[in-house]
Amino acid sequence: VVGGEHSASEQDIHIGGVDSVPVSLFDL
């Protein structure tokens, strides 16, 4: 989620150059 802080041990999940989702998606 946008705004989160990476660590080096997390697997890259880039798809089409973008790996993140906006916080606003969860504000239902």
PDB file of all heavy atoms in Angstrom:
ATOM      1  N   VAL A   1       0.847  -1.185   0.000  1.00  0.00           N
ATOM      2  CA  VAL A   1       0.000   0.000   0.000  1.00  0.00           C
ATOM      3  C   VAL A   1       0.889   1.244   0.000  1.00  0.00           C
ATOM      4  O   VAL A   1       1.901   1.304   0.712  1.00  0.00           O
ATOM      5  CB  VAL A   1      -0.937  -0.001   1.228  1.00  0.00           C
ATOM      6  CG1 VAL A   1      -1.771   1.270   1.270  1.00  0.00           C
ATOM      7  CG2 VAL A   1      -1.848  -1.231   1.185  1.00  0.00           C
ATOM      8  N   VAL A   2       0.510   2.227  -0.801  1.00  0.00           N
ATOM      9  CA  VAL A   2       1.290   3.462  -0.911  1.00  0.00           C
ATOM     10  C   VAL A   2       1.546   4.054   0.474  1.00  0.00           C
ATOM     11  O   VAL A   2       0.636   4.163   1.297  1.00  0.00           O
ATOM     12  CB  VAL A   2       0.547   4.492  -1.793  1.00  0.00           C
ATOM     13  CG1 VAL A   2       1.245   5.847  -1.735  1.00  0.00           C
ATOM     14  CG2 VAL A   2       0.470   4.004  -3.235  1.00  0.00           C
ATOM     15  N   GLY A   3       2.801   4.423   0.715  1.00  0.00           N
ATOM     16  CA  GLY A   3       3.177   4.991   2.005  1.00  0.00           C
ATOM     17  C   GLY A   3       3.905   4.014   2.893  1.00  0.00           C
ATOM     18  O   GLY A   3       4.518   4.406   3.883  1.00  0.00           O
ATOM     19  N   GLY A   4       3.863   2.730   2.553  1.00  0.00           N
ATOM     20  CA  GLY A   4       4.568   1.727   3.348  1.00  0.00           C
ATOM     21  C   GLY A   4       6.063   1.782   3.112  1.00  0.00           C
ATOM     22  O   GLY A   4       6.535   2.180   2.040  1.00  0.00           O
ATOM     23  N   GLU A   5       6.837   1.355   4.118  1.00  0.00           N
ATOM     24  CA  GLU A   5       8.296   1.401   4.045  1.00  0.00           C
ATOM     25  C   GLU A   5       8.846   0.009   3.773  1.00  0.00           C
ATOM     26  O   GLU A   5       8.595  -0.935   4.514  1.00  0.00           O
ATOM     27  CB  GLU A   5       8.866   1.948   5.363  1.00  0.00           C
ATOM     28  CG  GLU A   5      10.367   2.131   5.337  1.00  0.00           C
ATOM     29  CD  GLU A   5      10.888   2.759   6.622  1.00  0.00           C
ATOM     30  OE1 GLU A   5      10.083   3.373   7.352  1.00  0.00           O
ATOM     31  OE2 GLU A   5      12.092   2.621   6.901  1.00  0.00           O
ATOM     32  N   HIS A   6       9.638  -0.105   2.701  1.00  0.00           N
ATOM     33  CA  HIS A   6      10.209  -1.377   2.264  1.00  0.00           C
ATOM     34  C   HIS A   6      11.266  -1.905   3.218  1.00  0.00           C
ATOM     35  O   HIS A   6      11.895  -1.146   3.961  1.00  0.00           O
ATOM     36  CB  HIS A   6      10.884  -1.202   0.900  1.00  0.00           C
ATOM     37  CG  HIS A   6       9.955  -1.227  -0.268  1.00  0.00           C
ATOM     38  ND1 HIS A   6       9.354  -2.376  -0.726  1.00  0.00           N
ATOM     39  CD2 HIS A   6       9.536  -0.235  -1.092  1.00  0.00           C
ATOM     40  CE1 HIS A   6       8.615  -2.084  -1.794  1.00  0.00           C
ATOM     41  NE2 HIS A   6       8.698  -0.791  -2.024  1.00  0.00           N
ATOM     42  N   SER A   7      11.509  -3.215   3.137  1.00  0.00           N
ATOM     43  CA  SER A   7      12.720  -3.855   3.649  1.00  0.00           C
ATOM     44  C   SER A   7      13.349  -4.604   2.482  1.00  0.00           C
ATOM     45  O   SER A   7      12.677  -4.896   1.488  1.00  0.00           O
ATOM     46  CB  SER A   7      12.405  -4.827   4.789  1.00  0.00           C
ATOM     47  OG  SER A   7      11.822  -4.141   5.887  1.00  0.00           O
ATOM     48  N   ALA A   8      14.626  -4.947   2.615  1.00  0.00           N
ATOM     49  CA  ALA A   8      15.328  -5.592   1.497  1.00  0.00           C
ATOM     50  C   ALA A   8      14.885  -7.037   1.285  1.00  0.00           C
ATOM     51  O   ALA A   8      15.145  -7.608   0.230  1.00  0.00           O
ATOM     52  CB  ALA A   8      16.836  -5.545   1.739  1.00  0.00           C
ATOM     53  N   SER A   9      14.211  -7.631   2.272  1.00  0.00           N
ATOM     54  CA  SER A   9      13.879  -9.055   2.188  1.00  0.00           C
ATOM     55  C   SER A   9      12.529  -9.337   1.548  1.00  0.00           C
ATOM     56  O   SER A   9      12.127 -10.494   1.433  1.00  0.00           O
ATOM     57  CB  SER A   9      13.921  -9.668   3.592  1.00  0.00           C
ATOM     58  OG  SER A   9      13.013  -8.999   4.449  1.00  0.00           O
ATOM     59  N   GLU A  10      11.797  -8.324   1.130  1.00  0.00           N
ATOM     60  CA  GLU A  10      10.487  -8.534   0.520  1.00  0.00           C
ATOM     61  C   GLU A  10      10.631  -8.791  -0.974  1.00  0.00           C
ATOM     62  O   GLU A  10      11.418  -8.125  -1.652  1.00  0.00           O
ATOM     63  CB  GLU A  10       9.594  -7.311   0.750  1.00  0.00           C
ATOM     64  CG  GLU A  10       9.264  -7.079   2.198  1.00  0.00           C
ATOM     65  CD  GLU A  10       9.342  -5.620   2.591  1.00  0.00           C
ATOM     66  OE1 GLU A  10       9.511  -4.765   1.708  1.00  0.00           O
ATOM     67  OE2 GLU A  10       9.266  -5.353   3.807  1.00  0.00           O
ATOM     68  N   GLN A  11       9.880  -9.710  -1.488  1.00  0.00           N
ATOM     69  CA  GLN A  11       9.934 -10.029  -2.911  1.00  0.00           C
ATOM     70  C   GLN A  11       9.281  -8.916  -3.726  1.00  0.00           C
ATOM     71  O   GLN A  11       8.236  -8.386  -3.362  1.00  0.00           O
ATOM     72  CB  GLN A  11       9.215 -11.353  -3.172  1.00  0.00           C
ATOM     73  CG  GLN A  11       9.373 -11.869  -4.603  1.00  0.00           C
ATOM     74  CD  GLN A  11       8.677 -13.205  -4.771  1.00  0.00           C
ATOM     75  OE1 GLN A  11       7.453 -13.277  -4.792  1.00  0.00           O
ATOM     76  NE2 GLN A  11       9.441 -14.268  -4.858  1.00  0.00           N
ATOM     77  N   ASP A  12       9.931  -8.562  -4.830  1.00  0.00           N
ATOM     78  CA  ASP A  12       9.400  -7.538  -5.722  1.00  0.00           C
ATOM     79  C   ASP A  12       8.107  -8.043  -6.361  1.00  0.00           C
ATOM     80  O   ASP A  12       8.049  -9.154  -6.874  1.00  0.00           O
ATOM     81  CB  ASP A  12      10.437  -7.249  -6.813  1.00  0.00           C
ATOM     82  CG  ASP A  12      10.090  -6.041  -7.661  1.00  0.00           C
ATOM     83  OD1 ASP A  12       8.987  -5.502  -7.493  1.00  0.00           O
ATOM     84  OD2 ASP A  12      10.922  -5.650  -8.497  1.00  0.00           O
ATOM     85  N   ILE A  13       7.053  -7.219  -6.321  1.00  0.00           N
ATOM     86  CA  ILE A  13       5.777  -7.623  -6.941  1.00  0.00           C
ATOM     87  C   ILE A  13       5.373  -6.628  -8.034  1.00  0.00           C
ATOM     88  O   ILE A  13       4.190  -6.410  -8.286  1.00  0.00           O
ATOM     89  CB  ILE A  13       4.652  -7.760  -5.892  1.00  0.00           C
ATOM     90  CG1 ILE A  13       4.460  -6.465  -5.089  1.00  0.00           C
ATOM     91  CG2 ILE A  13       4.926  -8.924  -4.962  1.00  0.00           C
ATOM     92  CD1 ILE A  13       3.224  -6.477  -4.188  1.00  0.00           C
ATOM     93  N   HIS A  14       6.375  -5.985  -8.667  1.00  0.00           N
ATOM     94  CA  HIS A  14       6.057  -5.051  -9.746  1.00  0.00           C
ATOM     95  C   HIS A  14       5.294  -5.752 -10.860  1.00  0.00           C
ATOM     96  O   HIS A  14       5.659  -6.846 -11.295  1.00  0.00           O
ATOM     97  CB  HIS A  14       7.339  -4.462 -10.348  1.00  0.00           C
ATOM     98  CG  HIS A  14       7.860  -3.273  -9.599  1.00  0.00           C
ATOM     99  ND1 HIS A  14       8.612  -3.402  -8.455  1.00  0.00           N
ATOM    100  CD2 HIS A  14       7.729  -1.942  -9.825  1.00  0.00           C
ATOM    101  CE1 HIS A  14       8.935  -2.194  -8.009  1.00  0.00           C
ATOM    102  NE2 HIS A  14       8.411  -1.298  -8.819  1.00  0.00           N
ATOM    103  N   ILE A  15       4.246  -5.140 -11.294  1.00  0.00           N
ATOM    104  CA  ILE A  15       3.497  -5.583 -12.473  1.00  0.00           C
ATOM    105  C   ILE A  15       3.319  -4.352 -13.350  1.00  0.00           C
ATOM    106  O   ILE A  15       2.698  -3.371 -12.929  1.00  0.00           O
ATOM    107  CB  ILE A  15       2.120  -6.182 -12.126  1.00  0.00           C
ATOM    108  CG1 ILE A  15       2.278  -7.466 -11.302  1.00  0.00           C
ATOM    109  CG2 ILE A  15       1.306  -6.447 -13.371  1.00  0.00           C
ATOM    110  CD1 ILE A  15       2.847  -8.631 -12.066  1.00  0.00           C
ATOM    111  N   GLY A  16       3.860  -4.396 -14.560  1.00  0.00           N
ATOM    112  CA  GLY A  16       3.727  -3.245 -15.438  1.00  0.00           C
ATOM    113  C   GLY A  16       4.382  -2.001 -14.883  1.00  0.00           C
ATOM    114  O   GLY A  16       3.948  -0.887 -15.140  1.00  0.00           O
ATOM    115  N   GLY A  17       5.433  -2.188 -14.050  1.00  0.00           N
ATOM    116  CA  GLY A  17       6.144  -1.045 -13.493  1.00  0.00           C
ATOM    117  C   GLY A  17       5.536  -0.493 -12.223  1.00  0.00           C
ATOM    118  O   GLY A  17       6.066   0.427 -11.628  1.00  0.00           O
ATOM    119  N   VAL A  18       4.407  -1.052 -11.759  1.00  0.00           N
ATOM    120  CA  VAL A  18       3.737  -0.533 -10.566  1.00  0.00           C
ATOM    121  C   VAL A  18       3.536  -1.679  -9.583  1.00  0.00           C
ATOM    122  O   VAL A  18       3.033  -2.737  -9.941  1.00  0.00           O
ATOM    123  CB  VAL A  18       2.375   0.097 -10.911  1.00  0.00           C
ATOM    124  CG1 VAL A  18       1.675   0.585  -9.650  1.00  0.00           C
ATOM    125  CG2 VAL A  18       2.560   1.244 -11.899  1.00  0.00           C
ATOM    126  N   ASP A  19       3.939  -1.477  -8.316  1.00  0.00           N
ATOM    127  CA  ASP A  19       3.773  -2.532  -7.323  1.00  0.00           C
ATOM    128  C   ASP A  19       2.847  -2.140  -6.184  1.00  0.00           C
ATOM    129  O   ASP A  19       2.610  -2.929  -5.271  1.00  0.00           O
ATOM    130  CB  ASP A  19       5.133  -2.940  -6.739  1.00  0.00           C
ATOM    131  CG  ASP A  19       5.821  -1.800  -5.996  1.00  0.00           C
ATOM    132  OD1 ASP A  19       5.324  -0.654  -6.078  1.00  0.00           O
ATOM    133  OD2 ASP A  19       6.851  -2.048  -5.348  1.00  0.00           O
ATOM    134  N   SER A  20       2.320  -0.924  -6.208  1.00  0.00           N
ATOM    135  CA  SER A  20       1.577  -0.424  -5.055  1.00  0.00           C
ATOM    136  C   SER A  20       0.113  -0.149  -5.391  1.00  0.00           C
ATOM    137  O   SER A  20      -0.265  -0.020  -6.553  1.00  0.00           O
ATOM    138  CB  SER A  20       2.223   0.864  -4.535  1.00  0.00           C
ATOM    139  OG  SER A  20       2.231   1.858  -5.546  1.00  0.00           O
ATOM    140  N   VAL A  21      -0.683  -0.048  -4.322  1.00  0.00           N
ATOM    141  CA  VAL A  21      -2.092   0.314  -4.456  1.00  0.00           C
ATOM    142  C   VAL A  21      -2.358   1.508  -3.540  1.00  0.00           C
ATOM    143  O   VAL A  21      -1.752   1.628  -2.482  1.00  0.00           O
ATOM    144  CB  VAL A  21      -3.030  -0.856  -4.098  1.00  0.00           C
ATOM    145  CG1 VAL A  21      -2.816  -2.017  -5.049  1.00  0.00           C
ATOM    146  CG2 VAL A  21      -2.829  -1.308  -2.671  1.00  0.00           C
ATOM    147  N   PRO A  22      -3.258   2.400  -3.924  1.00  0.00           N
ATOM    148  CA  PRO A  22      -3.518   3.584  -3.096  1.00  0.00           C
ATOM    149  C   PRO A  22      -4.315   3.245  -1.844  1.00  0.00           C
ATOM    150  O   PRO A  22      -5.129   2.321  -1.825  1.00  0.00           O
ATOM    151  CB  PRO A  22      -4.326   4.491  -4.030  1.00  0.00           C
ATOM    152  CG  PRO A  22      -4.951   3.573  -5.028  1.00  0.00           C
ATOM    153  CD  PRO A  22      -3.988   2.437  -5.212  1.00  0.00           C
ATOM    154  N   VAL A  23      -4.061   4.014  -0.791  1.00  0.00           N
ATOM    155  CA  VAL A  23      -4.785   3.854   0.469  1.00  0.00           C
ATOM    156  C   VAL A  23      -6.289   4.018   0.264  1.00  0.00           C
ATOM    157  O   VAL A  23      -7.100   3.332   0.901  1.00  0.00           O
ATOM    158  CB  VAL A  23      -4.262   4.892   1.492  1.00  0.00           C
ATOM    159  CG1 VAL A  23      -5.161   4.941   2.717  1.00  0.00           C
ATOM    160  CG2 VAL A  23      -2.834   4.582   1.888  1.00  0.00           C
ATOM    161  N   SER A  24      -6.665   4.911  -0.638  1.00  0.00           N
ATOM    162  CA  SER A  24      -8.080   5.245  -0.820  1.00  0.00           C
ATOM    163  C   SER A  24      -8.937   4.047  -1.223  1.00  0.00           C
ATOM    164  O   SER A  24     -10.154   4.047  -1.002  1.00  0.00           O
ATOM    165  CB  SER A  24      -8.222   6.349  -1.873  1.00  0.00           C
ATOM    166  OG  SER A  24      -7.645   5.946  -3.105  1.00  0.00           O
ATOM    167  N   LEU A  25      -8.326   3.005  -1.808  1.00  0.00           N
ATOM    168  CA  LEU A  25      -9.103   1.824  -2.202  1.00  0.00           C
ATOM    169  C   LEU A  25      -9.824   1.206  -1.003  1.00  0.00           C
ATOM    170  O   LEU A  25     -10.905   0.637  -1.133  1.00  0.00           O
ATOM    171  CB  LEU A  25      -8.183   0.766  -2.822  1.00  0.00           C
ATOM    172  CG  LEU A  25      -7.777   0.897  -4.287  1.00  0.00           C
ATOM    173  CD1 LEU A  25      -7.008  -0.343  -4.711  1.00  0.00           C
ATOM    174  CD2 LEU A  25      -8.975   1.103  -5.187  1.00  0.00           C
ATOM    175  N   PHE A  26      -9.193   1.284   0.166  1.00  0.00           N
ATOM    176  CA  PHE A  26      -9.727   0.602   1.340  1.00  0.00           C
ATOM    177  C   PHE A  26     -10.746   1.443   2.117  1.00  0.00           C
ATOM    178  O   PHE A  26     -11.323   0.961   3.089  1.00  0.00           O
ATOM    179  CB  PHE A  26      -8.580   0.209   2.269  1.00  0.00           C
ATOM    180  CG  PHE A  26      -7.639  -0.809   1.670  1.00  0.00           C
ATOM    181  CD1 PHE A  26      -6.555  -0.407   0.895  1.00  0.00           C
ATOM    182  CD2 PHE A  26      -7.845  -2.163   1.862  1.00  0.00           C
ATOM    183  CE1 PHE A  26      -5.694  -1.333   0.339  1.00  0.00           C
ATOM    184  CE2 PHE A  26      -6.989  -3.100   1.308  1.00  0.00           C
ATOM    185  CZ  PHE A  26      -5.907  -2.684   0.539  1.00  0.00           C
ATOM    186  N   ASP A  27     -10.948   2.680   1.705  1.00  0.00           N
ATOM    187  CA  ASP A  27     -11.884   3.557   2.407  1.00  0.00           C
ATOM    188  C   ASP A  27     -13.291   3.337   1.846  1.00  0.00           C
ATOM    189  O   ASP A  27     -13.828   4.155   1.097  1.00  0.00           O
ATOM    190  CB  ASP A  27     -11.449   5.017   2.262  1.00  0.00           C
ATOM    191  CG  ASP A  27     -12.239   5.947   3.179  1.00  0.00           C
ATOM    192  OD1 ASP A  27     -12.999   5.438   4.032  1.00  0.00           O
ATOM    193  OD2 ASP A  27     -12.098   7.173   3.033  1.00  0.00           O
ATOM    194  N   LEU A  28     -13.881   2.206   2.212  1.00  0.00           N
ATOM    195  CA  LEU A  28     -15.205   1.840   1.710  1.00  0.00           C
ATOM    196  C   LEU A  28     -16.279   2.543   2.537  1.00  0.00           C
ATOM    197  O   LEU A  28     -16.209   2.561   3.771  1.00  0.00           O
ATOM    198  CB  LEU A  28     -15.398   0.326   1.789  1.00  0.00           C
ATOM    199  CG  LEU A  28     -14.322  -0.542   1.119  1.00  0.00           C
ATOM    200  CD1 LEU A  28     -14.695  -2.015   1.233  1.00  0.00           C
ATOM    201  CD2 LEU A  28     -14.133  -0.146  -0.339  1.00  0.00           C
TER     202      LEU A  28
END
